[in-house]
Amino acid sequence: MGIIEWGIFFIKDLILTSGYPGVFILMALESACVPIPSEIVLPFAGWLVYDGQFDLIFAALAGTFGCLAGSVMAYLVGLYGGRRLVLRYGKYVFLSEKSLDTAERWFTKYGDAAVFFSRLLPIIRTFISLPAGMAKMNLARFCVLTFVGSLPWCFALTYVGFALGPNWESITGIFEGLDILIVLGVVFILAWYLLRRRKNRMKAQAE
């Protein structure tokens, strides 16, 4: 059994053994920068919804709260450890300096909005919590944006697994093709958000 097959087996076994807590734990690990693909965890949970073992809402919420818990852990690492500690130990979870640089650029450019919108992007969604912590972003605001940004991602992946039923594993190929569309969509939303904020600021200054 190869490492990928073993990883998928581990994900399935943990969820089947632990139920919703298994989904929570796996999503928390992913959001804490451990390389566990949510594109496997949540669609498999969706298949269990299809099979009558899970409830769709509870499965999506378990994933969302897991994202929040793991993101807070990563935030605290960034807050108290700083860039040096992150880079020193990041290699053990396959966090490269390039990935951290990308997340830092996103946070520097878009600020708090990056915490929300990055939850829809591969790679960045996993590591955005680190620069947020390093920048000492308000923790309460970080938690709200993380939860609200993670909820549609978790619900969508769980629902797709439910809709595909026994063919849930085909979602990995589907999402590879949709990555570019997701990125373009998020860029469009970010541009609209920043333009609207700029107009509101200019209007306030004029008044």
C-alpha atoms as a PDB file:
ATOM      1  CA  MET A   1       0.000   0.000   0.000  1.00  0.00           C
ATOM      2  CA  GLY A   2       1.482   3.378  -1.060  1.00  0.00           C
ATOM      3  CA  ILE A   3       1.593   6.425   1.195  1.00  0.00           C
ATOM      4  CA  ILE A   4      -1.376   8.048  -0.573  1.00  0.00           C
ATOM      5  CA  GLU A   5      -3.503   4.933  -0.288  1.00  0.00           C
ATOM      6  CA  TRP A   6      -2.463   4.578   3.347  1.00  0.00           C
ATOM      7  CA  GLY A   7      -3.435   8.201   4.006  1.00  0.00           C
ATOM      8  CA  ILE A   8      -6.893   7.703   2.501  1.00  0.00           C
ATOM      9  CA  PHE A   9      -7.320   4.490   4.489  1.00  0.00           C
ATOM     10  CA  PHE A  10      -6.354   6.339   7.691  1.00  0.00           C
ATOM     11  CA  ILE A  11      -8.881   9.122   6.995  1.00  0.00           C
ATOM     12  CA  LYS A  12     -11.686   6.659   6.300  1.00  0.00           C
ATOM     13  CA  ASP A  13     -10.861   4.497   9.307  1.00  0.00           C
ATOM     14  CA  LEU A  14     -10.740   7.436  11.727  1.00  0.00           C
ATOM     15  CA  ILE A  15     -14.086   8.805  10.544  1.00  0.00           C
ATOM     16  CA  LEU A  16     -15.754   5.385  10.575  1.00  0.00           C
ATOM     17  CA  THR A  17     -14.398   4.691  14.062  1.00  0.00           C
ATOM     18  CA  SER A  18     -14.957   8.125  15.647  1.00  0.00           C
ATOM     19  CA  GLY A  19     -17.859   9.613  13.696  1.00  0.00           C
ATOM     20  CA  TYR A  20     -18.243  13.394  13.777  1.00  0.00           C
ATOM     21  CA  PRO A  21     -15.283  13.847  16.170  1.00  0.00           C
ATOM     22  CA  GLY A  22     -13.127  12.162  13.528  1.00  0.00           C
ATOM     23  CA  VAL A  23     -14.181  14.767  10.961  1.00  0.00           C
ATOM     24  CA  PHE A  24     -13.488  17.498  13.523  1.00  0.00           C
ATOM     25  CA  ILE A  25     -10.012  16.151  14.339  1.00  0.00           C
ATOM     26  CA  LEU A  26      -8.967  15.705  10.711  1.00  0.00           C
ATOM     27  CA  MET A  27     -10.136  19.184   9.693  1.00  0.00           C
ATOM     28  CA  ALA A  28      -8.453  20.679  12.759  1.00  0.00           C
ATOM     29  CA  LEU A  29      -5.187  19.010  11.773  1.00  0.00           C
ATOM     30  CA  GLU A  30      -5.524  20.284   8.198  1.00  0.00           C
ATOM     31  CA  SER A  31      -6.135  23.846   9.393  1.00  0.00           C
ATOM     32  CA  ALA A  32      -3.191  23.528  11.796  1.00  0.00           C
ATOM     33  CA  CYS A  33      -0.976  23.062   8.690  1.00  0.00           C
ATOM     34  CA  VAL A  34      -0.820  19.252   8.764  1.00  0.00           C
ATOM     35  CA  PRO A  35      -1.115  17.987   5.150  1.00  0.00           C
ATOM     36  CA  ILE A  36      -4.490  16.237   5.375  1.00  0.00           C
ATOM     37  CA  PRO A  37      -6.693  16.968   2.331  1.00  0.00           C
ATOM     38  CA  SER A  38     -10.162  18.283   3.121  1.00  0.00           C
ATOM     39  CA  GLU A  39     -11.047  17.177  -0.424  1.00  0.00           C
ATOM     40  CA  ILE A  40     -10.926  13.605   0.930  1.00  0.00           C
ATOM     41  CA  VAL A  41     -12.204  14.100   4.481  1.00  0.00           C
ATOM     42  CA  LEU A  42     -15.418  15.985   3.739  1.00  0.00           C
ATOM     43  CA  PRO A  43     -16.563  14.148   0.594  1.00  0.00           C
ATOM     44  CA  PHE A  44     -16.142  10.866   2.481  1.00  0.00           C
ATOM     45  CA  ALA A  45     -18.283  12.332   5.266  1.00  0.00           C
ATOM     46  CA  GLY A  46     -20.757  13.269   2.536  1.00  0.00           C
ATOM     47  CA  TRP A  47     -20.808   9.694   1.322  1.00  0.00           C
ATOM     48  CA  LEU A  48     -21.677   8.627   4.875  1.00  0.00           C
ATOM     49  CA  VAL A  49     -24.581  11.083   4.698  1.00  0.00           C
ATOM     50  CA  TYR A  50     -25.644   9.359   1.466  1.00  0.00           C
ATOM     51  CA  ASP A  51     -25.324   6.013   3.251  1.00  0.00           C
ATOM     52  CA  GLY A  52     -27.518   7.203   6.129  1.00  0.00           C
ATOM     53  CA  GLN A  53     -24.772   7.161   8.776  1.00  0.00           C
ATOM     54  CA  PHE A  54     -24.256  10.943   9.028  1.00  0.00           C
ATOM     55  CA  ASP A  55     -26.424  14.047   8.936  1.00  0.00           C
ATOM     56  CA  LEU A  56     -25.417  16.615   6.294  1.00  0.00           C
ATOM     57  CA  ILE A  57     -25.595  19.658   8.574  1.00  0.00           C
ATOM     58  CA  PHE A  58     -23.795  17.997  11.485  1.00  0.00           C
ATOM     59  CA  ALA A  59     -21.024  16.700   9.205  1.00  0.00           C
ATOM     60  CA  ALA A  60     -20.461  20.141   7.647  1.00  0.00           C
ATOM     61  CA  LEU A  61     -20.478  21.806  11.075  1.00  0.00           C
ATOM     62  CA  ALA A  62     -18.019  19.251  12.458  1.00  0.00           C
ATOM     63  CA  GLY A  63     -15.678  20.167   9.616  1.00  0.00           C
ATOM     64  CA  THR A  64     -16.212  23.907  10.126  1.00  0.00           C
ATOM     65  CA  PHE A  65     -15.555  23.806  13.868  1.00  0.00           C
ATOM     66  CA  GLY A  66     -12.510  21.652  13.146  1.00  0.00           C
ATOM     67  CA  CYS A  67     -11.236  24.327  10.741  1.00  0.00           C
ATOM     68  CA  LEU A  68     -11.757  26.949  13.426  1.00  0.00           C
ATOM     69  CA  ALA A  69      -9.934  24.956  16.113  1.00  0.00           C
ATOM     70  CA  GLY A  70      -6.961  24.162  13.878  1.00  0.00           C
ATOM     71  CA  SER A  71      -6.786  27.720  12.588  1.00  0.00           C
ATOM     72  CA  VAL A  72      -6.655  29.094  16.137  1.00  0.00           C
ATOM     73  CA  MET A  73      -3.776  26.729  16.912  1.00  0.00           C
ATOM     74  CA  ALA A  74      -1.876  27.950  13.847  1.00  0.00           C
ATOM     75  CA  TYR A  75      -2.721  31.553  14.745  1.00  0.00           C
ATOM     76  CA  LEU A  76      -1.214  31.071  18.217  1.00  0.00           C
ATOM     77  CA  VAL A  77       1.933  29.539  16.722  1.00  0.00           C
ATOM     78  CA  GLY A  78       2.327  32.606  14.522  1.00  0.00           C
ATOM     79  CA  LEU A  79       1.504  34.950  17.405  1.00  0.00           C
ATOM     80  CA  TYR A  80       3.932  33.523  19.962  1.00  0.00           C
ATOM     81  CA  GLY A  81       6.495  31.800  17.755  1.00  0.00           C
ATOM     82  CA  GLY A  82       6.949  34.264  14.926  1.00  0.00           C
ATOM     83  CA  ARG A  83       8.361  33.617  11.479  1.00  0.00           C
ATOM     84  CA  ARG A  84      11.581  32.025  12.724  1.00  0.00           C
ATOM     85  CA  LEU A  85       9.793  29.301  14.700  1.00  0.00           C
ATOM     86  CA  VAL A  86       7.309  28.677  11.898  1.00  0.00           C
ATOM     87  CA  LEU A  87      10.060  28.154   9.339  1.00  0.00           C
ATOM     88  CA  ARG A  88      12.174  26.110  11.718  1.00  0.00           C
ATOM     89  CA  TYR A  89       9.495  23.509  12.379  1.00  0.00           C
ATOM     90  CA  GLY A  90       7.303  23.998   9.313  1.00  0.00           C
ATOM     91  CA  LYS A  91       9.383  21.530   7.303  1.00  0.00           C
ATOM     92  CA  TYR A  92       7.982  18.705   9.428  1.00  0.00           C
ATOM     93  CA  VAL A  93       4.496  19.387   8.045  1.00  0.00           C
ATOM     94  CA  PHE A  94       5.771  20.191   4.522  1.00  0.00           C
ATOM     95  CA  LEU A  95       5.408  23.961   5.025  1.00  0.00           C
ATOM     96  CA  SER A  96       7.881  25.632   2.693  1.00  0.00           C
ATOM     97  CA  GLU A  97       9.134  29.206   2.942  1.00  0.00           C
ATOM     98  CA  LYS A  98       7.503  29.856  -0.434  1.00  0.00           C
ATOM     99  CA  SER A  99       4.075  28.815   0.885  1.00  0.00           C
ATOM    100  CA  LEU A 100       4.492  31.022   3.946  1.00  0.00           C
ATOM    101  CA  ASP A 101       5.618  33.940   1.772  1.00  0.00           C
ATOM    102  CA  THR A 102       2.503  33.536  -0.390  1.00  0.00           C
ATOM    103  CA  ALA A 103       0.230  33.543   2.659  1.00  0.00           C
ATOM    104  CA  GLU A 104       2.038  36.584   4.076  1.00  0.00           C
ATOM    105  CA  ARG A 105       1.639  38.501   0.818  1.00  0.00           C
ATOM    106  CA  TRP A 106      -2.077  37.750   0.794  1.00  0.00           C
ATOM    107  CA  PHE A 107      -2.495  38.927   4.363  1.00  0.00           C
ATOM    108  CA  THR A 108      -0.374  42.039   3.835  1.00  0.00           C
ATOM    109  CA  LYS A 109      -2.260  42.999   0.680  1.00  0.00           C
ATOM    110  CA  TYR A 110      -5.828  42.207   1.712  1.00  0.00           C
ATOM    111  CA  GLY A 111      -5.675  42.356   5.512  1.00  0.00           C
ATOM    112  CA  ASP A 112      -8.549  40.819   7.444  1.00  0.00           C
ATOM    113  CA  ALA A 113     -10.431  40.022   4.218  1.00  0.00           C
ATOM    114  CA  ALA A 114      -7.704  37.527   3.312  1.00  0.00           C
ATOM    115  CA  VAL A 115      -8.646  35.368   6.310  1.00  0.00           C
ATOM    116  CA  PHE A 116     -12.174  35.012   4.919  1.00  0.00           C
ATOM    117  CA  PHE A 117     -11.527  34.641   1.188  1.00  0.00           C
ATOM    118  CA  SER A 118      -8.424  32.447   1.464  1.00  0.00           C
ATOM    119  CA  ARG A 119     -10.567  29.654   2.931  1.00  0.00           C
ATOM    120  CA  LEU A 120     -11.664  28.914  -0.648  1.00  0.00           C
ATOM    121  CA  LEU A 121      -8.121  28.622  -2.023  1.00  0.00           C
ATOM    122  CA  PRO A 122      -5.814  25.602  -1.983  1.00  0.00           C
ATOM    123  CA  ILE A 123      -2.567  25.918   0.026  1.00  0.00           C
ATOM    124  CA  ILE A 124      -3.231  29.513   1.114  1.00  0.00           C
ATOM    125  CA  ARG A 125      -6.318  28.474   3.107  1.00  0.00           C
ATOM    126  CA  THR A 126      -4.155  26.162   5.190  1.00  0.00           C
ATOM    127  CA  PHE A 127      -1.392  28.631   6.026  1.00  0.00           C
ATOM    128  CA  ILE A 128      -3.148  32.030   6.213  1.00  0.00           C
ATOM    129  CA  SER A 129      -3.580  31.681   9.993  1.00  0.00           C
ATOM    130  CA  LEU A 130       0.182  31.915  10.556  1.00  0.00           C
ATOM    131  CA  PRO A 131       0.690  35.458   9.189  1.00  0.00           C
ATOM    132  CA  ALA A 132      -2.567  36.522  10.855  1.00  0.00           C
ATOM    133  CA  GLY A 133      -1.051  35.497  14.182  1.00  0.00           C
ATOM    134  CA  MET A 134       2.294  37.087  13.374  1.00  0.00           C
ATOM    135  CA  ALA A 135       0.487  40.347  12.560  1.00  0.00           C
ATOM    136  CA  LYS A 136      -1.393  40.135  15.904  1.00  0.00           C
ATOM    137  CA  MET A 137      -4.788  40.308  14.232  1.00  0.00           C
ATOM    138  CA  ASN A 138      -7.676  40.623  16.682  1.00  0.00           C
ATOM    139  CA  LEU A 139      -8.448  37.047  17.759  1.00  0.00           C
ATOM    140  CA  ALA A 140     -12.221  37.456  17.962  1.00  0.00           C
ATOM    141  CA  ARG A 141     -12.387  38.912  14.452  1.00  0.00           C
ATOM    142  CA  PHE A 142     -10.053  36.186  13.213  1.00  0.00           C
ATOM    143  CA  CYS A 143     -12.359  33.494  14.647  1.00  0.00           C
ATOM    144  CA  VAL A 144     -15.496  35.014  13.115  1.00  0.00           C
ATOM    145  CA  LEU A 145     -13.944  35.393   9.644  1.00  0.00           C
ATOM    146  CA  THR A 146     -12.437  31.903   9.814  1.00  0.00           C
ATOM    147  CA  PHE A 147     -15.738  30.291  10.773  1.00  0.00           C
ATOM    148  CA  VAL A 148     -17.793  32.208   8.208  1.00  0.00           C
ATOM    149  CA  GLY A 149     -15.221  31.552   5.478  1.00  0.00           C
ATOM    150  CA  SER A 150     -14.854  27.848   6.283  1.00  0.00           C
ATOM    151  CA  LEU A 151     -18.575  27.060   6.490  1.00  0.00           C
ATOM    152  CA  PRO A 152     -19.395  27.278   2.745  1.00  0.00           C
ATOM    153  CA  TRP A 153     -16.238  25.298   1.875  1.00  0.00           C
ATOM    154  CA  CYS A 154     -17.081  22.511   4.322  1.00  0.00           C
ATOM    155  CA  PHE A 155     -20.746  22.410   3.387  1.00  0.00           C
ATOM    156  CA  ALA A 156     -19.987  22.368  -0.356  1.00  0.00           C
ATOM    157  CA  LEU A 157     -17.463  19.517  -0.109  1.00  0.00           C
ATOM    158  CA  THR A 158     -19.737  17.496   2.159  1.00  0.00           C
ATOM    159  CA  TYR A 159     -22.725  18.040  -0.113  1.00  0.00           C
ATOM    160  CA  VAL A 160     -20.771  17.048  -3.229  1.00  0.00           C
ATOM    161  CA  GLY A 161     -19.741  13.817  -1.493  1.00  0.00           C
ATOM    162  CA  PHE A 162     -23.397  13.229  -0.648  1.00  0.00           C
ATOM    163  CA  ALA A 163     -24.498  13.992  -4.229  1.00  0.00           C
ATOM    164  CA  LEU A 164     -21.870  11.692  -5.744  1.00  0.00           C
ATOM    165  CA  GLY A 165     -22.640   8.864  -3.344  1.00  0.00           C
ATOM    166  CA  PRO A 166     -20.522   5.773  -4.106  1.00  0.00           C
ATOM    167  CA  ASN A 167     -18.543   7.828  -6.647  1.00  0.00           C
ATOM    168  CA  TRP A 168     -17.419  10.393  -4.049  1.00  0.00           C
ATOM    169  CA  GLU A 169     -13.716   9.788  -4.712  1.00  0.00           C
ATOM    170  CA  SER A 170     -14.083  11.263  -8.194  1.00  0.00           C
ATOM    171  CA  ILE A 171     -14.284  14.697  -6.558  1.00  0.00           C
ATOM    172  CA  THR A 172     -10.490  14.857  -6.344  1.00  0.00           C
ATOM    173  CA  GLY A 173     -10.260  15.003 -10.127  1.00  0.00           C
ATOM    174  CA  ILE A 174     -13.135  17.467 -10.329  1.00  0.00           C
ATOM    175  CA  PHE A 175     -11.491  19.914  -7.941  1.00  0.00           C
ATOM    176  CA  GLU A 176      -8.182  19.762  -9.780  1.00  0.00           C
ATOM    177  CA  GLY A 177      -9.978  21.128 -12.830  1.00  0.00           C
ATOM    178  CA  LEU A 178     -11.919  23.704 -10.828  1.00  0.00           C
ATOM    179  CA  ASP A 179      -8.929  25.213  -9.009  1.00  0.00           C
ATOM    180  CA  ILE A 180      -8.470  27.950 -11.612  1.00  0.00           C
ATOM    181  CA  LEU A 181     -12.176  28.836 -11.523  1.00  0.00           C
ATOM    182  CA  ILE A 182     -12.100  29.043  -7.744  1.00  0.00           C
ATOM    183  CA  VAL A 183      -9.069  31.342  -7.848  1.00  0.00           C
ATOM    184  CA  LEU A 184     -10.650  33.611 -10.463  1.00  0.00           C
ATOM    185  CA  GLY A 185     -13.884  33.759  -8.509  1.00  0.00           C
ATOM    186  CA  VAL A 186     -12.123  34.707  -5.287  1.00  0.00           C
ATOM    187  CA  VAL A 187     -10.032  37.354  -7.065  1.00  0.00           C
ATOM    188  CA  PHE A 188     -13.230  38.865  -8.509  1.00  0.00           C
ATOM    189  CA  ILE A 189     -14.911  38.929  -5.086  1.00  0.00           C
ATOM    190  CA  LEU A 190     -11.808  40.466  -3.503  1.00  0.00           C
ATOM    191  CA  ALA A 191     -11.657  43.168  -6.176  1.00  0.00           C
ATOM    192  CA  TRP A 192     -15.338  43.987  -5.614  1.00  0.00           C
ATOM    193  CA  TYR A 193     -14.848  44.073  -1.836  1.00  0.00           C
ATOM    194  CA  LEU A 194     -11.797  46.355  -2.001  1.00  0.00           C
ATOM    195  CA  LEU A 195     -13.451  48.691  -4.529  1.00  0.00           C
ATOM    196  CA  ARG A 196     -16.555  48.974  -2.375  1.00  0.00           C
ATOM    197  CA  ARG A 197     -14.486  49.674   0.748  1.00  0.00           C
ATOM    198  CA  ARG A 198     -12.505  52.330  -1.095  1.00  0.00           C
ATOM    199  CA  LYS A 199     -15.682  54.048  -2.294  1.00  0.00           C
ATOM    200  CA  ASN A 200     -17.118  54.018   1.223  1.00  0.00           C
ATOM    201  CA  ARG A 201     -13.905  55.481   2.627  1.00  0.00           C
ATOM    202  CA  MET A 202     -13.826  58.226  -0.017  1.00  0.00           C
ATOM    203  CA  LYS A 203     -17.501  58.998   0.660  1.00  0.00           C
ATOM    204  CA  ALA A 204     -16.842  59.239   4.406  1.00  0.00           C
ATOM    205  CA  GLN A 205     -13.902  61.592   3.812  1.00  0.00           C
ATOM    206  CA  ALA A 206     -15.996  63.788   1.525  1.00  0.00           C
ATOM    207  CA  GLU A 207     -18.710  64.062   4.166  1.00  0.00           C
END
